[in-house]
């Protein structure tokens, strides 16, 4: 049943994921870090692809589902990286740190302070039963990757030839 209604379910999952991130940011003032923002990109791309899937009913949509598959891989890369940074296993990107480098001039130090992000990638700003938003996002994107792969294979994969 999930695979039969995959397109609709994928649309709902993507809307809920991006909406919850935007609501947390704009209504609850939970500012995202650099990795959090990159984890939103796949959902935007998935929603754009799904609009084309809904509009182009009669055309083959394999390329759109392949783009969705690559978007989920992109999202998994950043969400797994983010989980690693939160758990102090991996190092985050340079823009994700609240640490300042040593400087000899006050103006250089001021420029560093003004250009730094307020939120560090290694700080968990929201969790649900001890599971960070990045970990939840990793699980959601993994589900999207697996079910989208199954959908692609069932609808566009190799079909067995009938024996006569």
Protein backbone atom coordinates (compact mmCIF):
# COMPACT_ATOMS: atom_id res chain seq x y z
CA UNK A 1 0.00 0.00 0.00
CA UNK A 2 2.87 2.38 0.75
CA UNK A 3 4.39 1.86 -2.68
CA UNK A 4 1.02 2.22 -4.43
CA UNK A 5 0.52 5.64 -2.81
CA UNK A 6 4.21 6.58 -2.72
CA UNK A 7 3.91 9.84 -4.62
CA UNK A 8 1.26 11.20 -2.27
CA UNK A 9 3.05 9.91 0.82
CA UNK A 10 6.34 11.42 -0.36
CA UNK A 11 4.59 14.76 -0.87
CA UNK A 12 3.13 14.64 2.66
CA UNK A 13 6.47 13.63 4.23
CA UNK A 14 8.28 16.46 2.42
CA UNK A 15 5.67 19.07 3.34
CA UNK A 16 5.71 18.01 6.99
CA UNK A 17 9.53 17.98 7.09
CA UNK A 18 10.06 21.39 5.55
CA UNK A 19 7.09 22.94 7.37
CA UNK A 20 8.31 21.73 10.76
CA UNK A 21 11.78 23.16 10.09
CA UNK A 22 10.35 26.52 9.00
CA UNK A 23 7.90 26.65 11.93
CA UNK A 24 10.70 25.85 14.40
CA UNK A 25 12.80 28.62 12.88
CA UNK A 26 10.22 31.37 12.48
CA UNK A 27 7.72 30.71 15.28
CA UNK A 28 9.93 29.17 17.98
CA UNK A 29 13.11 31.14 17.13
CA UNK A 30 15.25 28.01 16.77
CA UNK A 31 17.92 29.34 14.44
CA UNK A 32 19.36 26.72 12.08
CA UNK A 33 23.06 26.12 11.61
CA UNK A 34 24.76 25.79 8.22
CA UNK A 35 24.24 22.01 8.09
CA UNK A 36 20.57 22.36 9.09
CA UNK A 37 19.99 24.67 6.14
CA UNK A 38 21.67 22.25 3.72
CA UNK A 39 19.42 19.45 4.96
CA UNK A 40 16.38 21.38 3.74
CA UNK A 41 17.52 21.44 0.09
CA UNK A 42 16.40 17.87 -0.74
CA UNK A 43 12.86 18.58 0.43
CA UNK A 44 12.58 21.64 -1.78
CA UNK A 45 13.86 19.65 -4.76
CA UNK A 46 11.55 16.72 -3.96
CA UNK A 47 8.54 19.04 -3.82
CA UNK A 48 9.47 20.62 -7.17
CA UNK A 49 9.82 17.16 -8.73
CA UNK A 50 6.49 16.06 -7.29
CA UNK A 51 4.75 19.09 -8.77
CA UNK A 52 6.01 17.93 -12.17
CA UNK A 53 4.92 14.35 -11.40
CA UNK A 54 1.40 15.57 -10.60
CA UNK A 55 1.25 17.86 -13.65
CA UNK A 56 2.75 15.46 -16.22
CA UNK A 57 0.41 12.52 -15.74
CA UNK A 58 0.95 10.94 -19.16
CA UNK A 59 4.76 11.16 -19.44
CA UNK A 60 7.38 8.79 -18.06
CA UNK A 61 8.50 10.10 -14.71
CA UNK A 62 11.53 7.88 -14.12
CA UNK A 63 13.93 10.85 -14.36
CA UNK A 64 12.01 12.77 -11.72
CA UNK A 65 12.13 9.81 -9.33
CA UNK A 66 15.85 9.43 -10.01
CA UNK A 67 16.34 13.11 -9.12
CA UNK A 68 14.39 12.45 -5.92
CA UNK A 69 16.71 9.51 -5.23
CA UNK A 70 19.81 11.68 -5.70
CA UNK A 71 18.23 14.41 -3.54
CA UNK A 72 17.76 11.89 -0.73
CA UNK A 73 21.42 10.84 -1.03
CA UNK A 74 22.47 14.52 -0.84
CA UNK A 75 20.29 14.97 2.23
CA UNK A 76 21.60 11.79 3.84
CA UNK A 77 25.17 13.00 3.35
CA UNK A 78 24.50 16.25 5.20
CA UNK A 79 22.26 14.76 7.89
CA UNK A 80 24.73 11.94 8.71
CA UNK A 81 27.53 14.50 8.75
CA UNK A 82 25.47 16.67 11.10
CA UNK A 83 24.79 13.76 13.45
CA UNK A 84 28.53 13.04 13.46
CA UNK A 85 29.31 16.67 14.28
CA UNK A 86 26.70 16.73 17.07
CA UNK A 87 28.25 13.60 18.59
CA UNK A 88 31.80 15.04 18.27
CA UNK A 89 32.78 12.23 15.85
CA UNK A 90 33.22 14.43 12.77
CA UNK A 91 34.37 17.99 12.27
CA UNK A 92 31.85 20.48 10.92
CA UNK A 93 32.39 23.01 8.15
CA UNK A 94 34.32 26.16 9.00
CA UNK A 95 31.18 28.30 9.01
CA UNK A 96 29.67 26.03 11.65
CA UNK A 97 31.90 26.94 14.52
CA UNK A 98 31.48 29.62 17.12
CA UNK A 99 35.20 29.57 17.89
CA UNK A 100 37.28 32.56 16.84
CA UNK A 101 40.81 32.41 15.49
CA UNK A 102 43.51 34.46 17.13
CA UNK A 103 44.03 37.87 15.68
CA UNK A 104 46.39 40.77 16.20
CA UNK A 105 44.03 43.55 15.15
CA UNK A 106 40.76 44.61 16.68
CA UNK A 107 39.16 45.19 13.28
CA UNK A 108 39.99 41.62 12.18
CA UNK A 109 38.50 40.24 15.40
CA UNK A 110 35.39 42.37 14.90
CA UNK A 111 35.04 41.06 11.32
CA UNK A 112 35.30 37.49 12.64
CA UNK A 113 32.60 38.09 15.24
CA UNK A 114 30.24 39.70 12.75
CA UNK A 115 30.73 36.99 10.11
CA UNK A 116 30.28 34.01 12.46
CA UNK A 117 27.03 32.12 12.73
CA UNK A 118 25.24 32.39 16.04
CA UNK A 119 24.43 28.67 16.09
CA UNK A 120 27.16 26.06 16.17
CA UNK A 121 26.59 22.77 14.32
CA UNK A 122 27.76 20.70 17.26
CA UNK A 123 25.04 22.01 19.57
CA UNK A 124 21.71 20.17 19.60
CA UNK A 125 19.11 22.94 19.66
CA UNK A 126 16.08 20.62 19.58
CA UNK A 127 15.53 16.98 20.40
CA UNK A 128 12.60 14.61 20.84
CA UNK A 129 13.12 11.97 23.55
CA UNK A 130 16.87 12.57 23.25
CA UNK A 131 16.92 12.17 19.46
CA UNK A 132 18.17 15.30 17.69
CA UNK A 133 16.42 16.85 14.72
CA UNK A 134 19.40 15.86 12.54
CA UNK A 135 19.00 12.22 13.63
CA UNK A 136 15.27 12.31 12.89
CA UNK A 137 16.00 13.87 9.51
CA UNK A 138 18.52 11.09 8.79
CA UNK A 139 15.84 8.47 9.48
CA UNK A 140 13.26 10.28 7.34
CA UNK A 141 15.66 10.61 4.42
CA UNK A 142 16.68 6.96 4.76
CA UNK A 143 13.03 5.93 4.55
CA UNK A 144 12.59 8.14 1.49
CA UNK A 145 15.69 6.62 -0.12
CA UNK A 146 14.59 3.01 0.52
CA UNK A 147 10.95 3.38 -0.50
CA UNK A 148 11.77 5.51 -3.52
CA UNK A 149 14.25 2.84 -4.67
CA UNK A 150 11.56 0.18 -4.26
CA UNK A 151 9.10 2.37 -6.18
CA UNK A 152 11.56 2.90 -9.03
CA UNK A 153 12.35 -0.80 -9.27
CA UNK A 154 8.72 -1.91 -9.14
CA UNK A 155 7.48 0.62 -11.68
CA UNK A 156 10.47 1.00 -13.99
CA UNK A 157 12.77 -1.91 -13.22
CA UNK A 158 13.45 -4.99 -15.21
CA UNK A 159 10.33 -7.04 -15.79
CA UNK A 160 10.36 -10.80 -16.19
CA UNK A 161 9.49 -11.96 -19.66
CA UNK A 162 6.56 -14.34 -19.92
CA UNK A 163 7.41 -17.88 -20.96
CA UNK A 164 5.27 -19.35 -23.69
